[in-house]
Protein backbone atom coordinates (compact mmCIF):
# COMPACT_ATOMS: atom_id res chain seq x y z
CA MET A 1 -35.30 -32.24 -6.56
CA ARG A 2 -33.03 -32.95 -9.35
CA THR A 3 -33.11 -29.39 -10.46
CA SER A 4 -32.04 -28.21 -6.87
CA ALA A 5 -29.26 -30.89 -6.72
CA GLY A 6 -27.89 -29.45 -10.03
CA ALA A 7 -28.09 -25.93 -8.98
CA ALA A 8 -26.29 -26.69 -5.77
CA ALA A 9 -23.82 -28.47 -7.84
CA ARG A 10 -23.23 -25.48 -10.00
CA ASP A 11 -23.09 -23.10 -7.08
CA SER A 12 -20.29 -25.35 -5.26
CA ASP A 13 -18.28 -25.31 -8.58
CA ARG A 14 -18.47 -21.78 -8.94
CA LEU A 15 -17.45 -21.17 -5.37
CA ALA A 16 -14.57 -23.44 -5.67
CA ALA A 17 -13.43 -21.55 -8.89
CA ASP A 18 -13.80 -18.26 -6.92
CA ARG A 19 -11.58 -19.61 -4.11
CA ALA A 20 -9.01 -20.51 -6.69
CA TRP A 21 -9.24 -16.86 -8.48
CA ALA A 22 -8.90 -15.24 -4.89
CA GLY A 23 -5.72 -17.19 -4.39
CA TRP A 24 -4.30 -16.20 -7.76
CA GLY A 25 -5.24 -12.52 -7.17
CA VAL A 26 -3.64 -12.63 -3.80
CA ALA A 27 -0.47 -13.81 -5.42
CA ALA A 28 -0.56 -11.13 -8.01
CA ALA A 29 -1.20 -8.61 -5.41
CA VAL A 30 1.79 -9.69 -3.13
CA THR A 31 4.14 -10.22 -6.14
CA GLY A 32 3.21 -6.74 -7.63
CA MET A 33 3.58 -4.87 -4.17
CA LEU A 34 7.10 -6.79 -3.11
CA ALA A 35 8.38 -5.91 -6.62
CA TRP A 36 7.50 -2.31 -6.16
CA LEU A 37 9.02 -2.13 -2.47
CA ALA A 38 12.39 -3.75 -3.97
CA GLY A 39 12.53 -1.48 -6.95
CA PHE A 40 11.96 1.58 -4.42
CA ALA A 41 14.65 0.33 -2.09
CA LEU A 42 17.23 -0.04 -4.91
CA ILE A 43 16.90 3.72 -6.00
CA PRO A 44 20.00 5.65 -4.61
CA ALA A 45 18.78 7.85 -1.72
CA ASP A 46 21.12 10.66 -3.04
CA ALA A 47 19.78 10.60 -6.66
CA LYS A 48 17.93 13.87 -6.17
CA LEU A 49 17.82 16.85 -8.59
CA ASP A 50 18.19 18.95 -5.26
CA ASN A 51 21.92 17.88 -5.23
CA GLY A 52 22.34 19.35 -8.71
CA GLU A 53 22.54 17.79 -12.24
CA GLN A 54 26.37 17.05 -11.91
CA HIS A 55 25.99 15.09 -8.69
CA LEU A 56 22.73 13.27 -10.17
CA VAL A 57 24.65 12.16 -13.19
CA HIS A 58 27.49 11.15 -10.82
CA VAL A 59 25.09 8.87 -8.89
CA LEU A 60 23.41 7.44 -12.09
CA ARG A 61 26.69 6.69 -13.47
CA ALA A 62 27.93 4.84 -10.27
CA HIS A 63 24.63 2.52 -10.10
CA PRO A 64 23.72 1.66 -13.58
CA GLY A 65 22.82 -1.94 -12.81
CA GLN A 66 20.97 -1.00 -9.57
CA LEU A 67 18.78 1.35 -11.51
CA TYR A 68 18.00 -0.96 -14.33
CA THR A 69 16.92 -3.54 -11.99
CA ALA A 70 14.85 -0.86 -9.87
CA ALA A 71 12.96 -0.09 -13.26
CA LEU A 72 12.34 -3.59 -14.30
CA LEU A 73 10.90 -4.28 -10.93
CA ALA A 74 8.61 -1.31 -11.16
CA VAL A 75 7.28 -2.84 -14.57
CA LEU A 76 6.98 -6.14 -12.91
CA GLY A 77 4.54 -4.43 -10.32
CA ALA A 78 2.11 -3.99 -12.90
CA VAL A 79 0.97 -7.61 -12.26
CA LEU A 80 -1.25 -5.75 -9.68
CA ALA A 81 -3.68 -5.04 -12.32
CA ALA A 82 -4.20 -8.94 -12.27
CA PHE A 83 -5.41 -8.64 -8.71
CA PHE A 84 -7.99 -6.02 -9.61
CA ALA A 85 -9.11 -8.29 -12.51
CA VAL A 86 -9.62 -10.94 -10.18
CA LEU A 87 -11.76 -8.73 -7.85
CA THR A 88 -14.05 -8.00 -10.98
CA ARG A 89 -14.29 -11.71 -11.41
CA LEU A 90 -15.42 -12.34 -7.72
CA VAL A 91 -18.54 -10.01 -8.07
CA PRO A 92 -20.95 -11.14 -10.72
CA GLU A 93 -22.47 -8.83 -13.04
CA GLY A 94 -25.32 -6.89 -11.43
CA ASN A 95 -24.31 -7.40 -8.00
CA PRO A 96 -23.55 -4.58 -5.52
CA GLY A 97 -20.20 -3.19 -6.31
CA TRP A 98 -19.92 -4.57 -9.74
CA GLY A 99 -19.65 -1.50 -11.67
CA LEU A 100 -17.44 0.30 -9.21
CA LEU A 101 -14.92 -2.35 -9.24
CA ARG A 102 -14.88 -2.22 -13.09
CA VAL A 103 -14.01 1.32 -12.96
CA SER A 104 -11.28 0.57 -10.33
CA LEU A 105 -9.79 -1.88 -12.78
CA ALA A 106 -9.51 0.61 -15.56
CA GLY A 107 -8.00 3.25 -13.08
CA CYS A 108 -5.44 0.48 -12.06
CA VAL A 109 -4.41 -0.31 -15.74
CA ILE A 110 -4.02 3.32 -16.44
CA THR A 111 -1.70 3.76 -13.36
CA GLN A 112 0.42 0.76 -14.01
CA ALA A 113 0.68 2.03 -17.77
CA MET A 114 1.93 5.28 -16.59
CA VAL A 115 4.40 3.68 -14.01
CA ALA A 116 5.66 1.39 -16.70
CA THR A 117 6.20 4.61 -18.96
CA GLY A 118 7.93 6.27 -16.16
CA ALA A 119 10.07 3.26 -15.25
CA SER A 120 11.05 2.96 -19.12
CA SER A 121 12.55 6.55 -18.61
CA GLY A 122 14.39 5.26 -15.75
CA LEU A 123 15.84 2.40 -17.93
CA ALA A 124 17.25 5.15 -20.39
CA ASP A 125 18.38 7.21 -17.77
CA PRO A 126 21.58 5.55 -16.66
CA HIS A 127 22.50 5.08 -20.45
CA ALA A 128 21.95 8.86 -20.82
CA ALA A 129 24.03 9.58 -17.74
CA GLY A 130 26.99 7.61 -19.18
CA ASN A 131 26.68 8.86 -22.92
CA ALA A 132 25.14 12.24 -22.85
CA GLY A 133 25.25 15.60 -20.95
CA ALA A 134 23.96 16.27 -17.47
CA GLY A 135 21.07 18.25 -18.81
CA LEU A 136 19.71 15.36 -20.60
CA ALA A 137 20.08 12.89 -17.79
CA ALA A 138 18.48 15.59 -15.49
CA LEU A 139 15.48 15.69 -17.95
CA GLY A 140 15.03 11.99 -17.97
CA TRP A 141 15.12 11.72 -14.18
CA ARG A 142 12.62 14.62 -13.98
CA ALA A 143 10.22 12.90 -16.55
CA LEU A 144 10.55 9.69 -14.38
CA TRP A 145 9.37 11.36 -11.06
CA LEU A 146 6.87 13.55 -12.80
CA THR A 147 5.22 10.46 -14.50
CA PHE A 148 4.93 8.68 -11.13
CA TRP A 149 3.61 11.93 -9.83
CA ALA A 150 0.98 12.18 -12.37
CA SER A 151 0.01 8.56 -12.02
CA GLY A 152 -1.57 9.82 -8.54
CA VAL A 153 -4.78 10.80 -10.35
CA PRO A 154 -5.80 7.42 -11.47
CA THR A 155 -4.53 5.86 -8.42
CA ILE A 156 -6.87 8.03 -6.48
CA VAL A 157 -9.81 6.72 -8.92
CA PHE A 158 -9.05 3.17 -8.33
CA THR A 159 -8.56 3.51 -4.88
CA VAL A 160 -11.74 5.51 -4.10
CA THR A 161 -13.93 3.37 -6.38
CA GLY A 162 -12.21 0.03 -5.15
CA VAL A 163 -12.95 0.78 -1.71
CA LEU A 164 -16.51 1.65 -2.29
CA GLY A 165 -17.06 -1.16 -4.60
CA LEU A 166 -15.41 -3.67 -2.30
CA ARG A 167 -17.58 -2.39 0.60
CA GLN A 168 -20.58 -2.93 -1.29
CA ALA A 169 -19.66 -6.32 -2.19
CA GLY A 170 -18.71 -7.30 1.35
CA LEU A 171 -14.87 -8.23 0.36
CA SER A 172 -13.43 -5.41 2.37
CA PRO A 173 -13.53 -5.16 6.17
CA PRO A 174 -14.02 -1.50 7.57
CA TRP A 175 -10.44 -1.31 8.69
CA VAL A 176 -9.11 -2.17 5.40
CA SER A 177 -11.54 0.43 3.90
CA ALA A 178 -10.15 3.07 6.08
CA VAL A 179 -6.61 2.37 5.01
CA GLY A 180 -7.73 2.86 1.40
CA TRP A 181 -9.47 6.06 2.33
CA LEU A 182 -6.07 7.33 4.18
CA SER A 183 -4.13 6.14 0.75
CA ALA A 184 -6.25 8.30 -1.39
CA ALA A 185 -6.04 11.27 0.95
CA ALA A 186 -2.30 11.14 1.07
CA HIS A 187 -2.31 11.04 -2.77
CA VAL A 188 -4.46 14.06 -3.04
CA LEU A 189 -1.98 15.79 -0.51
CA VAL A 190 0.82 15.01 -2.83
CA LEU A 191 -0.87 16.16 -5.94
CA VAL A 192 -1.73 19.67 -4.48
CA THR A 193 1.55 20.31 -2.77
CA LEU A 194 4.13 19.65 -5.57
CA ALA A 195 7.21 21.69 -5.25
CA GLN A 196 10.20 22.48 -7.63
CA ARG A 197 12.41 21.31 -4.61
CA GLY A 198 12.49 19.92 -1.21
CA ALA A 199 10.47 17.19 0.59
CA PHE A 200 7.47 17.72 -1.88
CA ALA A 201 9.32 17.68 -4.95
CA ALA A 202 8.41 15.14 -7.47
CA ASP A 203 11.39 13.07 -6.41
CA GLY A 204 11.16 14.24 -2.92
CA ILE A 205 10.88 12.14 0.36
CA ILE A 206 7.07 12.67 0.48
CA ALA A 207 6.22 11.83 -2.97
CA GLY A 208 8.34 8.68 -2.51
CA LEU A 209 6.70 7.66 0.76
CA VAL A 210 3.06 8.08 -0.25
CA PRO A 211 2.79 5.22 -2.55
CA LEU A 212 3.75 3.15 0.37
CA THR A 213 0.23 3.77 1.72
CA THR A 214 -1.07 2.22 -1.43
CA VAL A 215 1.24 -0.72 -0.81
CA ILE A 216 -0.11 -1.26 2.48
CA TRP A 217 -3.69 -0.94 1.62
CA ILE A 218 -3.40 -3.76 -1.16
CA LEU A 219 -1.43 -6.07 1.14
CA ALA A 220 -4.20 -5.47 3.90
CA LEU A 221 -6.81 -6.27 1.08
CA ALA A 222 -5.05 -9.31 -0.15
CA ALA A 223 -4.51 -10.77 3.47
CA THR A 224 -8.26 -10.37 4.19
CA LEU A 225 -9.56 -11.32 0.74
CA PRO A 226 -9.83 -15.12 1.14
CA ARG A 227 -11.76 -14.87 4.49
CA SER A 228 -14.13 -11.92 3.08
CA GLN A 229 -14.75 -13.87 -0.03
CA ARG A 230 -15.80 -17.07 1.88
CA ALA A 231 -18.09 -14.70 3.89
CA ALA A 232 -19.65 -12.94 1.07
CA ALA A 233 -20.21 -16.17 -1.27
CA PRO A 234 -23.46 -17.18 0.16
CA ALA A 235 -24.95 -13.78 -0.50
CA ALA A 236 -23.36 -13.62 -3.99
CA SER A 237 -24.78 -17.14 -4.75
CA GLY A 238 -28.18 -16.18 -3.66
CA THR A 239 -28.23 -12.99 -5.83
CA GLY A 240 -26.63 -14.36 -8.76
CA GLY A 241 -28.98 -17.56 -8.87
């Protein structure tokens, strides 16, 4: 009886800790996605290579503070990795989804590192536009968006493994998983349709909007996580005991 009471107390403490971790994870997810949305909204709509290097330089010179803020917000969006770290914390080792969620975390870290690298290029670009030639500014702008485009590969990895792992762990409702699959498919589309100019260019409208599918998936996952975690907790407790 005493042993049973002690085990129940330990389970209760762990479930309380998991609820607290889930709360911190949701906060990290919302912070990261709102930072990304705000940063994306600050990018001038006419800052496109399609409009010519001289026009691009003119736009960059006209909005240096706006672009610096956008780049810093993109770096802040890296707190999303903390959300995926929390997801791995909520699934004990050996439980269904445990391995896939750790692969997802690794993919998310790689994605955020690439986005931060691209954002660093964005931080340097207004300076280049003001102190160097149009060619250098255009090169920096192209590097920024190509880095974002290339980050689609680890984004697909962390999305697919995240959807699969969360479903196995019982932490993702079917409709949220469907949003994740749509997001992964949208990133595949962008990767295979890259063009030099136009809507499918690295800085085109399609490449710019597709990351919004990740934002929608993450926010949907964050909104449903507390309830999903409470529903999955008894099964996880029984497996991990």
